[in-house]
PDB file of all heavy atoms in Angstrom:
ATOM      1  N   THR A   1     -19.556  31.236  18.493  1.00  0.00           N
ATOM      2  CA  THR A   1     -19.454  30.452  17.272  1.00  0.00           C
ATOM      3  C   THR A   1     -18.271  30.935  16.440  1.00  0.00           C
ATOM      4  O   THR A   1     -17.782  32.058  16.600  1.00  0.00           O
ATOM      5  CB  THR A   1     -20.727  30.572  16.419  1.00  0.00           C
ATOM      6  OG1 THR A   1     -20.860  31.928  15.951  1.00  0.00           O
ATOM      7  CG2 THR A   1     -21.970  30.200  17.217  1.00  0.00           C
ATOM      8  N   LYS A   2     -17.826  30.082  15.528  1.00  0.00           N
ATOM      9  CA  LYS A   2     -16.731  30.444  14.629  1.00  0.00           C
ATOM     10  C   LYS A   2     -17.114  31.649  13.785  1.00  0.00           C
ATOM     11  O   LYS A   2     -16.297  32.556  13.564  1.00  0.00           O
ATOM     12  CB  LYS A   2     -16.387  29.247  13.738  1.00  0.00           C
ATOM     13  CG  LYS A   2     -15.225  29.485  12.799  1.00  0.00           C
ATOM     14  CD  LYS A   2     -14.926  28.230  11.977  1.00  0.00           C
ATOM     15  CE  LYS A   2     -13.786  28.480  10.993  1.00  0.00           C
ATOM     16  NZ  LYS A   2     -13.499  27.267  10.174  1.00  0.00           N
ATOM     17  N   ARG A   3     -18.368  31.673  13.318  1.00  0.00           N
ATOM     18  CA  ARG A   3     -18.835  32.808  12.507  1.00  0.00           C
ATOM     19  C   ARG A   3     -18.792  34.100  13.304  1.00  0.00           C
ATOM     20  O   ARG A   3     -18.410  35.154  12.795  1.00  0.00           O
ATOM     21  CB  ARG A   3     -20.267  32.557  12.007  1.00  0.00           C
ATOM     22  CG  ARG A   3     -20.405  31.400  11.058  1.00  0.00           C
ATOM     23  CD  ARG A   3     -21.812  31.343  10.446  1.00  0.00           C
ATOM     24  NE  ARG A   3     -22.856  31.433  11.458  1.00  0.00           N
ATOM     25  CZ  ARG A   3     -23.286  30.410  12.176  1.00  0.00           C
ATOM     26  NH1 ARG A   3     -22.763  29.218  11.996  1.00  0.00           N
ATOM     27  NH2 ARG A   3     -24.246  30.555  13.069  1.00  0.00           N
ATOM     28  N   GLY A   4     -19.213  34.023  14.576  1.00  0.00           N
ATOM     29  CA  GLY A   4     -19.210  35.206  15.418  1.00  0.00           C
ATOM     30  C   GLY A   4     -17.812  35.740  15.654  1.00  0.00           C
ATOM     31  O   GLY A   4     -17.573  36.950  15.607  1.00  0.00           O
ATOM     32  N   HIS A   5     -16.862  34.840  15.907  1.00  0.00           N
ATOM     33  CA  HIS A   5     -15.475  35.264  16.105  1.00  0.00           C
ATOM     34  C   HIS A   5     -14.930  35.937  14.853  1.00  0.00           C
ATOM     35  O   HIS A   5     -14.206  36.945  14.937  1.00  0.00           O
ATOM     36  CB  HIS A   5     -14.603  34.060  16.478  1.00  0.00           C
ATOM     37  CG  HIS A   5     -14.747  33.633  17.907  1.00  0.00           C
ATOM     38  ND1 HIS A   5     -14.164  34.327  18.950  1.00  0.00           N
ATOM     39  CD2 HIS A   5     -15.409  32.589  18.473  1.00  0.00           C
ATOM     40  CE1 HIS A   5     -14.449  33.723  20.087  1.00  0.00           C
ATOM     41  NE2 HIS A   5     -15.204  32.668  19.829  1.00  0.00           N
ATOM     42  N   ALA A   6     -15.259  35.397  13.680  1.00  0.00           N
ATOM     43  CA  ALA A   6     -14.787  35.986  12.429  1.00  0.00           C
ATOM     44  C   ALA A   6     -15.343  37.389  12.241  1.00  0.00           C
ATOM     45  O   ALA A   6     -14.650  38.294  11.747  1.00  0.00           O
ATOM     46  CB  ALA A   6     -15.183  35.092  11.252  1.00  0.00           C
ATOM     47  N   ARG A   7     -16.581  37.590  12.655  1.00  0.00           N
ATOM     48  CA  ARG A   7     -17.195  38.920  12.530  1.00  0.00           C
ATOM     49  C   ARG A   7     -16.552  39.926  13.483  1.00  0.00           C
ATOM     50  O   ARG A   7     -16.338  41.090  13.120  1.00  0.00           O
ATOM     51  CB  ARG A   7     -18.689  38.827  12.801  1.00  0.00           C
ATOM     52  CG  ARG A   7     -19.491  38.231  11.673  1.00  0.00           C
ATOM     53  CD  ARG A   7     -19.497  39.126  10.457  1.00  0.00           C
ATOM     54  NE  ARG A   7     -20.420  38.635   9.435  1.00  0.00           N
ATOM     55  CZ  ARG A   7     -20.655  39.235   8.279  1.00  0.00           C
ATOM     56  NH1 ARG A   7     -20.022  40.359   7.995  1.00  0.00           N
ATOM     57  NH2 ARG A   7     -21.499  38.723   7.411  1.00  0.00           N
ATOM     58  N   VAL A   8     -16.263  39.503  14.700  1.00  0.00           N
ATOM     59  CA  VAL A   8     -15.596  40.395  15.651  1.00  0.00           C
ATOM     60  C   VAL A   8     -14.247  40.845  15.086  1.00  0.00           C
ATOM     61  O   VAL A   8     -13.885  42.023  15.141  1.00  0.00           O
ATOM     62  CB  VAL A   8     -15.422  39.709  17.016  1.00  0.00           C
ATOM     63  CG1 VAL A   8     -14.513  40.541  17.924  1.00  0.00           C
ATOM     64  CG2 VAL A   8     -16.770  39.510  17.690  1.00  0.00           C
ATOM     65  N   LYS A   9     -13.515  39.908  14.533  1.00  0.00           N
ATOM     66  CA  LYS A   9     -12.212  40.229  13.950  1.00  0.00           C
ATOM     67  C   LYS A   9     -12.363  41.180  12.769  1.00  0.00           C
ATOM     68  O   LYS A   9     -11.603  42.156  12.637  1.00  0.00           O
ATOM     69  CB  LYS A   9     -11.507  38.945  13.512  1.00  0.00           C
ATOM     70  CG  LYS A   9     -10.113  39.177  12.954  1.00  0.00           C
ATOM     71  CD  LYS A   9      -9.451  37.857  12.551  1.00  0.00           C
ATOM     72  CE  LYS A   9      -8.068  38.120  11.972  1.00  0.00           C
ATOM     73  NZ  LYS A   9      -7.425  36.838  11.532  1.00  0.00           N
ATOM     74  N   ALA A  10     -13.348  40.922  11.912  1.00  0.00           N
ATOM     75  CA  ALA A  10     -13.558  41.781  10.740  1.00  0.00           C
ATOM     76  C   ALA A  10     -13.958  43.196  11.156  1.00  0.00           C
ATOM     77  O   ALA A  10     -13.464  44.185  10.591  1.00  0.00           O
ATOM     78  CB  ALA A  10     -14.612  41.166   9.824  1.00  0.00           C
ATOM     79  N   GLU A  11     -14.857  43.307  12.133  1.00  0.00           N
ATOM     80  CA  GLU A  11     -15.239  44.636  12.632  1.00  0.00           C
ATOM     81  C   GLU A  11     -13.999  45.401  13.095  1.00  0.00           C
ATOM     82  O   GLU A  11     -13.815  46.581  12.765  1.00  0.00           O
ATOM     83  CB  GLU A  11     -16.228  44.510  13.793  1.00  0.00           C
ATOM     84  CG  GLU A  11     -17.647  44.174  13.405  1.00  0.00           C
ATOM     85  CD  GLU A  11     -18.592  44.290  14.601  1.00  0.00           C
ATOM     86  OE1 GLU A  11     -18.160  44.846  15.648  1.00  0.00           O
ATOM     87  OE2 GLU A  11     -19.754  43.846  14.508  1.00  0.00           O
ATOM     88  N   ALA A  12     -13.155  44.744  13.868  1.00  0.00           N
ATOM     89  CA  ALA A  12     -11.959  45.399  14.414  1.00  0.00           C
ATOM     90  C   ALA A  12     -11.008  45.831  13.309  1.00  0.00           C
ATOM     91  O   ALA A  12     -10.388  46.910  13.396  1.00  0.00           O
ATOM     92  CB  ALA A  12     -11.248  44.458  15.388  1.00  0.00           C
ATOM     93  N   GLU A  13     -10.889  45.024  12.273  1.00  0.00           N
ATOM     94  CA  GLU A  13      -9.996  45.382  11.172  1.00  0.00           C
ATOM     95  C   GLU A  13     -10.502  46.618  10.434  1.00  0.00           C
ATOM     96  O   GLU A  13      -9.713  47.501  10.071  1.00  0.00           O
ATOM     97  CB  GLU A  13      -9.857  44.197  10.219  1.00  0.00           C
ATOM     98  CG  GLU A  13      -9.039  43.056  10.798  1.00  0.00           C
ATOM     99  CD  GLU A  13      -8.906  41.895   9.831  1.00  0.00           C
ATOM    100  OE1 GLU A  13      -9.610  41.891   8.793  1.00  0.00           O
ATOM    101  OE2 GLU A  13      -8.099  40.992  10.117  1.00  0.00           O
ATOM    102  N   TRP A  14     -11.790  46.691  10.215  1.00  0.00           N
ATOM    103  CA  TRP A  14     -12.350  47.894   9.580  1.00  0.00           C
ATOM    104  C   TRP A  14     -12.197  49.110  10.492  1.00  0.00           C
ATOM    105  O   TRP A  14     -11.863  50.205  10.032  1.00  0.00           O
ATOM    106  CB  TRP A  14     -13.827  47.666   9.231  1.00  0.00           C
ATOM    107  CG  TRP A  14     -14.011  46.887   7.967  1.00  0.00           C
ATOM    108  CD1 TRP A  14     -14.296  45.556   7.851  1.00  0.00           C
ATOM    109  CD2 TRP A  14     -13.882  47.384   6.630  1.00  0.00           C
ATOM    110  NE1 TRP A  14     -14.361  45.199   6.533  1.00  0.00           N
ATOM    111  CE2 TRP A  14     -14.125  46.298   5.759  1.00  0.00           C
ATOM    112  CE3 TRP A  14     -13.622  48.634   6.087  1.00  0.00           C
ATOM    113  CZ2 TRP A  14     -14.094  46.429   4.364  1.00  0.00           C
ATOM    114  CZ3 TRP A  14     -13.584  48.773   4.699  1.00  0.00           C
ATOM    115  CH2 TRP A  14     -13.817  47.688   3.859  1.00  0.00           C
ATOM    116  N   GLN A  15     -12.409  48.918  11.771  1.00  0.00           N
ATOM    117  CA  GLN A  15     -12.287  50.027  12.720  1.00  0.00           C
ATOM    118  C   GLN A  15     -10.849  50.539  12.848  1.00  0.00           C
ATOM    119  O   GLN A  15     -10.629  51.677  13.265  1.00  0.00           O
ATOM    120  CB  GLN A  15     -12.801  49.599  14.101  1.00  0.00           C
ATOM    121  CG  GLN A  15     -14.310  49.422  14.175  1.00  0.00           C
ATOM    122  CD  GLN A  15     -14.772  48.783  15.478  1.00  0.00           C
ATOM    123  OE1 GLN A  15     -14.151  47.841  15.960  1.00  0.00           O
ATOM    124  NE2 GLN A  15     -15.859  49.282  16.044  1.00  0.00           N
ATOM    125  N   SER A  16      -9.887  49.718  12.504  1.00  0.00           N
ATOM    126  CA  SER A  16      -8.484  50.095  12.668  1.00  0.00           C
ATOM    127  C   SER A  16      -7.976  51.034  11.578  1.00  0.00           C
ATOM    128  O   SER A  16      -6.866  51.570  11.693  1.00  0.00           O
ATOM    129  CB  SER A  16      -7.605  48.838  12.698  1.00  0.00           C
ATOM    130  OG  SER A  16      -7.520  48.244  11.409  1.00  0.00           O
ATOM    131  N   ILE A  17      -8.757  51.256  10.537  1.00  0.00           N
ATOM    132  CA  ILE A  17      -8.315  52.119   9.436  1.00  0.00           C
ATOM    133  C   ILE A  17      -8.545  53.577   9.830  1.00  0.00           C
ATOM    134  O   ILE A  17      -9.695  53.999  10.026  1.00  0.00           O
ATOM    135  CB  ILE A  17      -9.069  51.789   8.139  1.00  0.00           C
ATOM    136  CG1 ILE A  17      -8.798  50.334   7.732  1.00  0.00           C
ATOM    137  CG2 ILE A  17      -8.655  52.747   7.018  1.00  0.00           C
ATOM    138  CD1 ILE A  17      -9.585  49.877   6.520  1.00  0.00           C
ATOM    139  N   PRO A  18      -7.493  54.384   9.949  1.00  0.00           N
ATOM    140  CA  PRO A  18      -7.647  55.785  10.377  1.00  0.00           C
ATOM    141  C   PRO A  18      -8.490  56.586   9.387  1.00  0.00           C
ATOM    142  O   PRO A  18      -8.419  56.375   8.175  1.00  0.00           O
ATOM    143  CB  PRO A  18      -6.198  56.307  10.406  1.00  0.00           C
ATOM    144  CG  PRO A  18      -5.340  55.082  10.524  1.00  0.00           C
ATOM    145  CD  PRO A  18      -6.070  54.010   9.780  1.00  0.00           C
ATOM    146  N   ASP A  19      -9.295  57.492   9.940  1.00  0.00           N
ATOM    147  CA  ASP A  19     -10.074  58.470   9.166  1.00  0.00           C
ATOM    148  C   ASP A  19     -11.182  57.851   8.318  1.00  0.00           C
ATOM    149  O   ASP A  19     -11.794  58.545   7.509  1.00  0.00           O
ATOM    150  CB  ASP A  19      -9.161  59.304   8.248  1.00  0.00           C
ATOM    151  CG  ASP A  19      -8.091  60.053   9.016  1.00  0.00           C
ATOM    152  OD1 ASP A  19      -8.411  60.580  10.103  1.00  0.00           O
ATOM    153  OD2 ASP A  19      -6.941  60.109   8.548  1.00  0.00           O
ATOM    154  N   LEU A  20     -11.467  56.579   8.513  1.00  0.00           N
ATOM    155  CA  LEU A  20     -12.534  55.947   7.736  1.00  0.00           C
ATOM    156  C   LEU A  20     -13.884  56.238   8.392  1.00  0.00           C
ATOM    157  O   LEU A  20     -14.070  55.951   9.578  1.00  0.00           O
ATOM    158  CB  LEU A  20     -12.308  54.434   7.679  1.00  0.00           C
ATOM    159  CG  LEU A  20     -13.206  53.653   6.718  1.00  0.00           C
ATOM    160  CD1 LEU A  20     -12.805  53.931   5.271  1.00  0.00           C
ATOM    161  CD2 LEU A  20     -13.107  52.146   7.007  1.00  0.00           C
ATOM    162  N   PRO A  21     -14.838  56.834   7.657  1.00  0.00           N
ATOM    163  CA  PRO A  21     -16.159  57.128   8.238  1.00  0.00           C
ATOM    164  C   PRO A  21     -17.025  55.870   8.313  1.00  0.00           C
ATOM    165  O   PRO A  21     -18.017  55.728   7.603  1.00  0.00           O
ATOM    166  CB  PRO A  21     -16.739  58.163   7.278  1.00  0.00           C
ATOM    167  CG  PRO A  21     -16.126  57.837   5.952  1.00  0.00           C
ATOM    168  CD  PRO A  21     -14.738  57.331   6.264  1.00  0.00           C
ATOM    169  N   LEU A  22     -16.626  54.976   9.218  1.00  0.00           N
ATOM    170  CA  LEU A  22     -17.231  53.656   9.288  1.00  0.00           C
ATOM    171  C   LEU A  22     -18.503  53.646  10.121  1.00  0.00           C
ATOM    172  O   LEU A  22     -18.568  54.249  11.191  1.00  0.00           O
ATOM    173  CB  LEU A  22     -16.221  52.668   9.892  1.00  0.00           C
ATOM    174  CG  LEU A  22     -16.670  51.210  10.022  1.00  0.00           C
ATOM    175  CD1 LEU A  22     -16.868  50.574   8.654  1.00  0.00           C
ATOM    176  CD2 LEU A  22     -15.653  50.420  10.840  1.00  0.00           C
ATOM    177  N   HIS A  23     -19.496  52.915   9.631  1.00  0.00           N
ATOM    178  CA  HIS A  23     -20.746  52.682  10.343  1.00  0.00           C
ATOM    179  C   HIS A  23     -20.983  51.176  10.354  1.00  0.00           C
ATOM    180  O   HIS A  23     -21.053  50.557   9.286  1.00  0.00           O
ATOM    181  CB  HIS A  23     -21.915  53.386   9.666  1.00  0.00           C
ATOM    182  CG  HIS A  23     -21.707  54.856   9.482  1.00  0.00           C
ATOM    183  ND1 HIS A  23     -20.807  55.376   8.559  1.00  0.00           N
ATOM    184  CD2 HIS A  23     -22.277  55.925  10.099  1.00  0.00           C
ATOM    185  CE1 HIS A  23     -20.842  56.705   8.617  1.00  0.00           C
ATOM    186  NE2 HIS A  23     -21.716  57.048   9.549  1.00  0.00           N
ATOM    187  N   ILE A  24     -21.094  50.587  11.537  1.00  0.00           N
ATOM    188  CA  ILE A  24     -21.298  49.150  11.661  1.00  0.00           C
ATOM    189  C   ILE A  24     -22.760  48.877  12.004  1.00  0.00           C
ATOM    190  O   ILE A  24     -23.312  49.478  12.926  1.00  0.00           O
ATOM    191  CB  ILE A  24     -20.374  48.547  12.734  1.00  0.00           C
ATOM    192  CG1 ILE A  24     -18.908  48.642  12.281  1.00  0.00           C
ATOM    193  CG2 ILE A  24     -20.740  47.092  13.022  1.00  0.00           C
ATOM    194  CD1 ILE A  24     -17.911  48.197  13.334  1.00  0.00           C
ATOM    195  N   PHE A  25     -23.358  47.980  11.250  1.00  0.00           N
ATOM    196  CA  PHE A  25     -24.757  47.604  11.472  1.00  0.00           C
ATOM    197  C   PHE A  25     -24.788  46.128  11.839  1.00  0.00           C
ATOM    198  O   PHE A  25     -24.439  45.266  11.032  1.00  0.00           O
ATOM    199  CB  PHE A  25     -25.584  47.857  10.211  1.00  0.00           C
ATOM    200  CG  PHE A  25     -25.564  49.299   9.767  1.00  0.00           C
ATOM    201  CD1 PHE A  25     -24.569  49.763   8.917  1.00  0.00           C
ATOM    202  CD2 PHE A  25     -26.516  50.197  10.228  1.00  0.00           C
ATOM    203  CE1 PHE A  25     -24.527  51.088   8.519  1.00  0.00           C
ATOM    204  CE2 PHE A  25     -26.483  51.532   9.837  1.00  0.00           C
ATOM    205  CZ  PHE A  25     -25.484  51.976   8.985  1.00  0.00           C
ATOM    206  N   ARG A  26     -25.177  45.849  13.072  1.00  0.00           N
ATOM    207  CA  ARG A  26     -25.250  44.467  13.551  1.00  0.00           C
ATOM    208  C   ARG A  26     -26.680  43.964  13.345  1.00  0.00           C
ATOM    209  O   ARG A  26     -27.616  44.414  14.014  1.00  0.00           O
ATOM    210  CB  ARG A  26     -24.817  44.390  15.017  1.00  0.00           C
ATOM    211  CG  ARG A  26     -23.331  44.707  15.184  1.00  0.00           C
ATOM    212  CD  ARG A  26     -22.893  44.775  16.625  1.00  0.00           C
ATOM    213  NE  ARG A  26     -21.457  45.049  16.724  1.00  0.00           N
ATOM    214  CZ  ARG A  26     -20.860  45.568  17.788  1.00  0.00           C
ATOM    215  NH1 ARG A  26     -21.586  45.864  18.877  1.00  0.00           N
ATOM    216  NH2 ARG A  26     -19.552  45.789  17.786  1.00  0.00           N
ATOM    217  N   LEU A  27     -26.819  43.048  12.399  1.00  0.00           N
ATOM    218  CA  LEU A  27     -28.133  42.614  11.957  1.00  0.00           C
ATOM    219  C   LEU A  27     -28.583  41.364  12.703  1.00  0.00           C
ATOM    220  O   LEU A  27     -27.803  40.429  12.895  1.00  0.00           O
ATOM    221  CB  LEU A  27     -28.103  42.320  10.453  1.00  0.00           C
ATOM    222  CG  LEU A  27     -27.486  43.398   9.552  1.00  0.00           C
ATOM    223  CD1 LEU A  27     -27.538  42.936   8.094  1.00  0.00           C
ATOM    224  CD2 LEU A  27     -28.185  44.736   9.724  1.00  0.00           C
ATOM    225  N   ALA A  28     -29.848  41.364  13.101  1.00  0.00           N
ATOM    226  CA  ALA A  28     -30.470  40.161  13.652  1.00  0.00           C
ATOM    227  C   ALA A  28     -30.823  39.230  12.492  1.00  0.00           C
ATOM    228  O   ALA A  28     -30.439  39.471  11.344  1.00  0.00           O
ATOM    229  CB  ALA A  28     -31.699  40.553  14.467  1.00  0.00           C
ATOM    230  N   GLY A  29     -31.560  38.164  12.764  1.00  0.00           N
ATOM    231  CA  GLY A  29     -31.932  37.220  11.715  1.00  0.00           C
ATOM    232  C   GLY A  29     -32.775  37.892  10.639  1.00  0.00           C
ATOM    233  O   GLY A  29     -33.834  38.451  10.935  1.00  0.00           O
ATOM    234  N   ILE A  30     -32.317  37.833   9.408  1.00  0.00           N
ATOM    235  CA  ILE A  30     -32.948  38.570   8.310  1.00  0.00           C
ATOM    236  C   ILE A  30     -34.007  37.716   7.624  1.00  0.00           C
ATOM    237  O   ILE A  30     -33.782  36.550   7.317  1.00  0.00           O
ATOM    238  CB  ILE A  30     -31.891  39.000   7.271  1.00  0.00           C
ATOM    239  CG1 ILE A  30     -30.759  39.784   7.933  1.00  0.00           C
ATOM    240  CG2 ILE A  30     -32.537  39.838   6.172  1.00  0.00           C
ATOM    241  CD1 ILE A  30     -29.575  40.040   7.013  1.00  0.00           C
ATOM    242  N   TYR A  31     -35.163  38.325   7.379  1.00  0.00           N
ATOM    243  CA  TYR A  31     -36.180  37.687   6.559  1.00  0.00           C
ATOM    244  C   TYR A  31     -36.783  38.735   5.641  1.00  0.00           C
ATOM    245  O   TYR A  31     -36.533  39.935   5.779  1.00  0.00           O
ATOM    246  CB  TYR A  31     -37.259  37.023   7.428  1.00  0.00           C
ATOM    247  CG  TYR A  31     -38.192  37.995   8.131  1.00  0.00           C
ATOM    248  CD1 TYR A  31     -39.472  38.252   7.635  1.00  0.00           C
ATOM    249  CD2 TYR A  31     -37.802  38.657   9.300  1.00  0.00           C
ATOM    250  CE1 TYR A  31     -40.335  39.137   8.279  1.00  0.00           C
ATOM    251  CE2 TYR A  31     -38.653  39.530   9.947  1.00  0.00           C
ATOM    252  CZ  TYR A  31     -39.915  39.777   9.432  1.00  0.00           C
ATOM    253  OH  TYR A  31     -40.757  40.652  10.064  1.00  0.00           O
ATOM    254  N   GLY A  32     -37.578  38.293   4.682  1.00  0.00           N
ATOM    255  CA  GLY A  32     -38.186  39.217   3.737  1.00  0.00           C
ATOM    256  C   GLY A  32     -38.656  38.458   2.511  1.00  0.00           C
ATOM    257  O   GLY A  32     -38.641  37.224   2.494  1.00  0.00           O
ATOM    258  N   PRO A  33     -39.074  39.166   1.472  1.00  0.00           N
ATOM    259  CA  PRO A  33     -39.591  38.496   0.271  1.00  0.00           C
ATOM    260  C   PRO A  33     -38.628  37.434  -0.252  1.00  0.00           C
ATOM    261  O   PRO A  33     -37.464  37.713  -0.530  1.00  0.00           O
ATOM    262  CB  PRO A  33     -39.739  39.651  -0.729  1.00  0.00           C
ATOM    263  CG  PRO A  33     -39.925  40.863   0.135  1.00  0.00           C
ATOM    264  CD  PRO A  33     -39.072  40.632   1.348  1.00  0.00           C
ATOM    265  N   GLY A  34     -39.120  36.208  -0.354  1.00  0.00           N
ATOM    266  CA  GLY A  34     -38.287  35.116  -0.841  1.00  0.00           C
ATOM    267  C   GLY A  34     -37.423  34.475   0.215  1.00  0.00           C
ATOM    268  O   GLY A  34     -36.743  33.470  -0.049  1.00  0.00           O
TER     269      GLY A  34
END
């Protein structure tokens, strides 16, 4: 999907920053109060 491609690109851009203590959390479908 277009959304998925945009996320892959965004992940890579964050990962490309040297020395950044990055943690990526890939979330499934979110539900909860409200």
